[in-house]
Structures are given as structure tokens and as C-alpha cells.
C-alpha atoms as a PDB file:
ATOM      1  CA  SER A   1       0.000   0.000   0.000  1.00  0.00           C
ATOM      2  CA  ALA A   2       1.018   3.624  -0.357  1.00  0.00           C
ATOM      3  CA  ALA A   3       1.204   4.099   3.416  1.00  0.00           C
ATOM      4  CA  GLY A   4       3.586   1.165   3.724  1.00  0.00           C
ATOM      5  CA  MET A   5       5.808   2.389   0.898  1.00  0.00           C
ATOM      6  CA  LEU A   6       5.954   5.919   2.309  1.00  0.00           C
ATOM      7  CA  THR A   7       6.745   4.648   5.811  1.00  0.00           C
ATOM      8  CA  ALA A   8       9.426   2.221   4.604  1.00  0.00           C
ATOM      9  CA  SER A   9      11.119   4.814   2.403  1.00  0.00           C
ATOM     10  CA  SER A  10      11.133   7.320   5.274  1.00  0.00           C
ATOM     11  CA  LEU A  11      12.703   4.778   7.609  1.00  0.00           C
ATOM     12  CA  LEU A  12      15.335   3.896   5.012  1.00  0.00           C
ATOM     13  CA  ALA A  13      16.186   7.556   4.351  1.00  0.00           C
ATOM     14  CA  LEU A  14      16.333   8.563   8.029  1.00  0.00           C
ATOM     15  CA  PRO A  15      19.836   7.165   8.792  1.00  0.00           C
ATOM     16  CA  ALA A  16      21.319   8.828   5.695  1.00  0.00           C
ATOM     17  CA  ALA A  17      19.656  12.135   6.554  1.00  0.00           C
ATOM     18  CA  LEU A  18      20.975  12.018  10.119  1.00  0.00           C
ATOM     19  CA  LEU A  19      24.456  11.059   8.918  1.00  0.00           C
ATOM     20  CA  LEU A  20      24.670  13.757   6.249  1.00  0.00           C
ATOM     21  CA  GLU A  21      22.756  16.601   7.898  1.00  0.00           C
ATOM     22  CA  GLY A  22      22.782  15.780  11.591  1.00  0.00           C
ATOM     23  CA  ALA A  23      19.832  15.972  13.944  1.00  0.00           C
ATOM     24  CA  PRO A  24      17.492  18.880  13.243  1.00  0.00           C
ATOM     25  CA  PRO A  25      17.223  21.584  15.899  1.00  0.00           C
ATOM     26  CA  ALA A  26      14.308  21.216  18.279  1.00  0.00           C
ATOM     27  CA  PRO A  27      11.485  23.655  17.549  1.00  0.00           C
ATOM     28  CA  GLU A  28      11.183  26.319  20.215  1.00  0.00           C
ATOM     29  CA  ARG A  29       7.593  27.408  19.707  1.00  0.00           C
ATOM     30  CA  ALA A  30       4.305  25.545  19.814  1.00  0.00           C
ATOM     31  CA  LEU A  31       3.336  27.218  16.549  1.00  0.00           C
ATOM     32  CA  THR A  32       6.157  25.317  14.855  1.00  0.00           C
ATOM     33  CA  PHE A  33       4.717  22.007  16.056  1.00  0.00           C
ATOM     34  CA  ALA A  34       1.282  23.076  14.829  1.00  0.00           C
ATOM     35  CA  ALA A  35       2.718  23.918  11.402  1.00  0.00           C
ATOM     36  CA  LEU A  36       4.514  20.560  11.202  1.00  0.00           C
ATOM     37  CA  ALA A  37       1.333  18.736  12.206  1.00  0.00           C
ATOM     38  CA  TYR A  38      -0.672  20.614   9.578  1.00  0.00           C
ATOM     39  CA  ILE A  39       1.849  19.889   6.824  1.00  0.00           C
ATOM     40  CA  SER A  40       2.001  16.231   7.843  1.00  0.00           C
ATOM     41  CA  LEU A  41      -1.720  15.639   8.184  1.00  0.00           C
ATOM     42  CA  ALA A  42      -3.426  17.997   5.756  1.00  0.00           C
ATOM     43  CA  GLY A  43      -0.673  18.512   3.224  1.00  0.00           C
ATOM     44  CA  THR A  44       0.559  14.948   2.923  1.00  0.00           C
ATOM     45  CA  ALA A  45      -1.877  12.437   4.399  1.00  0.00           C
ATOM     46  CA  GLY A  46      -4.929  14.396   3.250  1.00  0.00           C
ATOM     47  CA  ALA A  47      -3.504  14.784  -0.235  1.00  0.00           C
ATOM     48  CA  TYR A  48      -2.849  11.040  -0.491  1.00  0.00           C
ATOM     49  CA  LEU A  49      -6.367  10.227   0.674  1.00  0.00           C
ATOM     50  CA  LEU A  50      -7.858  12.643  -1.843  1.00  0.00           C
ATOM     51  CA  TYR A  51      -5.591  11.318  -4.603  1.00  0.00           C
ATOM     52  CA  TYR A  52      -6.713   7.719  -4.097  1.00  0.00           C
ATOM     53  CA  ARG A  53     -10.366   8.722  -3.748  1.00  0.00           C
ATOM     54  CA  VAL A  54     -10.225  10.512  -7.116  1.00  0.00           C
ATOM     55  CA  LEU A  55      -8.311   7.574  -8.601  1.00  0.00           C
ATOM     56  CA  ALA A  56     -11.080   5.182  -7.581  1.00  0.00           C
ATOM     57  CA  ALA A  57     -13.849   7.494  -8.793  1.00  0.00           C
ATOM     58  CA  ALA A  58     -12.443   8.910 -12.043  1.00  0.00           C
ATOM     59  CA  GLY A  59      -9.736   6.487 -13.117  1.00  0.00           C
ATOM     60  CA  SER A  60      -6.048   6.928 -13.738  1.00  0.00           C
ATOM     61  CA  GLY A  61      -6.390   8.756 -17.055  1.00  0.00           C
ATOM     62  CA  ASN A  62      -8.462  11.560 -15.609  1.00  0.00           C
ATOM     63  CA  LEU A  63      -6.267  11.722 -12.534  1.00  0.00           C
ATOM     64  CA  MET A  64      -3.176  12.311 -14.662  1.00  0.00           C
ATOM     65  CA  LEU A  65      -4.959  15.161 -16.429  1.00  0.00           C
ATOM     66  CA  VAL A  66      -5.266  16.883 -13.056  1.00  0.00           C
ATOM     67  CA  THR A  67      -1.520  16.435 -12.505  1.00  0.00           C
ATOM     68  CA  ILE A  68      -0.773  18.121 -15.830  1.00  0.00           C
ATOM     69  CA  VAL A  69      -2.940  21.135 -14.944  1.00  0.00           C
ATOM     70  CA  MET A  70      -1.233  21.794 -11.594  1.00  0.00           C
ATOM     71  CA  PRO A  71       1.680  23.961 -12.886  1.00  0.00           C
ATOM     72  CA  PRO A  72      -0.577  26.486 -14.690  1.00  0.00           C
ATOM     73  CA  ILE A  73      -2.858  26.631 -11.647  1.00  0.00           C
ATOM     74  CA  SER A  74       0.132  27.265  -9.379  1.00  0.00           C
ATOM     75  CA  VAL A  75       1.415  30.031 -11.645  1.00  0.00           C
ATOM     76  CA  ALA A  76      -2.050  31.618 -11.825  1.00  0.00           C
ATOM     77  CA  LEU A  77      -2.389  31.514  -8.035  1.00  0.00           C
ATOM     78  CA  GLY A  78       1.050  33.102  -7.706  1.00  0.00           C
ATOM     79  CA  ALA A  79      -0.109  35.931  -9.939  1.00  0.00           C
ATOM     80  CA  LEU A  80      -3.471  36.384  -8.220  1.00  0.00           C
ATOM     81  CA  VAL A  81      -2.455  35.903  -4.590  1.00  0.00           C
ATOM     82  CA  LEU A  82       1.145  37.114  -4.551  1.00  0.00           C
ATOM     83  CA  GLY A  83       0.995  39.633  -7.378  1.00  0.00           C
ATOM     84  CA  GLU A  84       3.697  37.891  -9.412  1.00  0.00           C
ATOM     85  CA  ARG A  85       4.109  39.002 -13.012  1.00  0.00           C
ATOM     86  CA  LEU A  86       3.417  36.515 -15.777  1.00  0.00           C
ATOM     87  CA  ALA A  87       5.809  36.446 -18.702  1.00  0.00           C
ATOM     88  CA  PRO A  88       4.337  35.867 -22.170  1.00  0.00           C
ATOM     89  CA  GLY A  89       6.068  32.484 -22.337  1.00  0.00           C
ATOM     90  CA  VAL A  90       4.199  31.361 -19.238  1.00  0.00           C
ATOM     91  CA  LEU A  91       0.862  32.265 -20.800  1.00  0.00           C
ATOM     92  CA  LEU A  92       1.819  30.501 -24.023  1.00  0.00           C
ATOM     93  CA  GLY A  93       2.864  27.406 -22.060  1.00  0.00           C
ATOM     94  CA  ALA A  94      -0.435  27.365 -20.164  1.00  0.00           C
ATOM     95  CA  ALA A  95      -2.342  27.714 -23.434  1.00  0.00           C
ATOM     96  CA  LEU A  96      -0.418  24.787 -24.944  1.00  0.00           C
ATOM     97  CA  ILE A  97      -1.112  22.634 -21.883  1.00  0.00           C
ATOM     98  CA  LEU A  98      -4.831  23.430 -22.074  1.00  0.00           C
ATOM     99  CA  LEU A  99      -4.877  22.726 -25.820  1.00  0.00           C
ATOM    100  CA  GLY A 100      -3.133  19.398 -25.224  1.00  0.00           C
ATOM    101  CA  LEU A 101      -5.670  18.493 -22.555  1.00  0.00           C
ATOM    102  CA  ALA A 102      -8.525  19.360 -24.907  1.00  0.00           C
ATOM    103  CA  ILE A 103      -7.019  17.108 -27.575  1.00  0.00           C
ATOM    104  CA  ILE A 104      -6.422  14.254 -25.132  1.00  0.00           C
ATOM    105  CA  ASP A 105      -9.967  14.527 -23.816  1.00  0.00           C
ATOM    106  CA  GLY A 106     -11.395  14.107 -27.319  1.00  0.00           C
ATOM    107  CA  ARG A 107     -14.658  15.984 -26.810  1.00  0.00           C
ATOM    108  CA  LEU A 108     -13.409  19.050 -28.670  1.00  0.00           C
ATOM    109  CA  LEU A 109     -12.323  16.957 -31.648  1.00  0.00           C
ATOM    110  CA  ARG A 110     -15.651  15.099 -31.714  1.00  0.00           C
ATOM    111  CA  LEU A 111     -17.527  18.408 -31.622  1.00  0.00           C
ATOM    112  CA  LEU A 112     -15.447  19.811 -34.464  1.00  0.00           C
ATOM    113  CA  GLY A 113     -15.974  16.574 -36.440  1.00  0.00           C
ATOM    114  CA  LYS A 114     -19.760  16.796 -36.007  1.00  0.00           C
ATOM    115  CA  ARG A 115     -19.791  20.415 -37.161  1.00  0.00           C
ATOM    116  CA  ALA A 116     -17.664  19.552 -40.199  1.00  0.00           C
ATOM    117  CA  ARG A 117     -19.991  16.714 -41.182  1.00  0.00           C
ATOM    118  CA  ALA A 118     -23.069  18.909 -40.679  1.00  0.00           C
ATOM    119  CA  ALA A 119     -21.692  21.662 -42.941  1.00  0.00           C
END
């Protein structure tokens, strides 16, 4: 299972991390522990649970489409929330990703094929 693989890989990486980086400093504030708990539970465990729920409901093909859309969504959120500037190449890349998704999906091509046959 995914939980077993994640746990085993963490346990295997722990000795190397301690050897190369040393023990991490102990957090001094309770807020730090709260942030670590949030990242661990919501950001990682919650994301895995959601991922496998969508996988069961929509299938692997549709799930991979969501993965492809994540970079343009992240860039758009950076622009909207943080006020980052978008270069023209970024907009072109997002447009190409969306066009590729439309082609992979097939509905756009079927619609265009129906219109061509009707004309």
C-alpha cells in the first residue's frame, strides 16, 4: 500500500539524513509544532487520501490530467495571490497545456468533427 511504501522509504532515508545533515534543531515554539502537524496531516496524508479517492472514482487517465494542470494553476495563483508578473512564455505554455488536454480529452475533436460533417 502507499502508506507502507511511504513509511518504509522514510525509515530507510532517516539514517542517511541524520548522517549527512545531523539531527534537526528542536522547535522552540508551539506554533512550529502546529505547522509541522498541519503539513504532515493535511498537506501529505490528506492529499494522499484525496488522490486515491479521485483515482477510484475517475480512473487513472483523468487523474493524470489533473496532474498536468497543476503547474498552470500554481502560476495563476502566484499571480493572483502574490501579485507575481506573468511572462508571455508562461501564458503561451499554459495555453499549450490546455490545448493538449482538450485534444487528449477528445470531446473538442468530436464536436469539431460533427460540425464539419453537418456543414
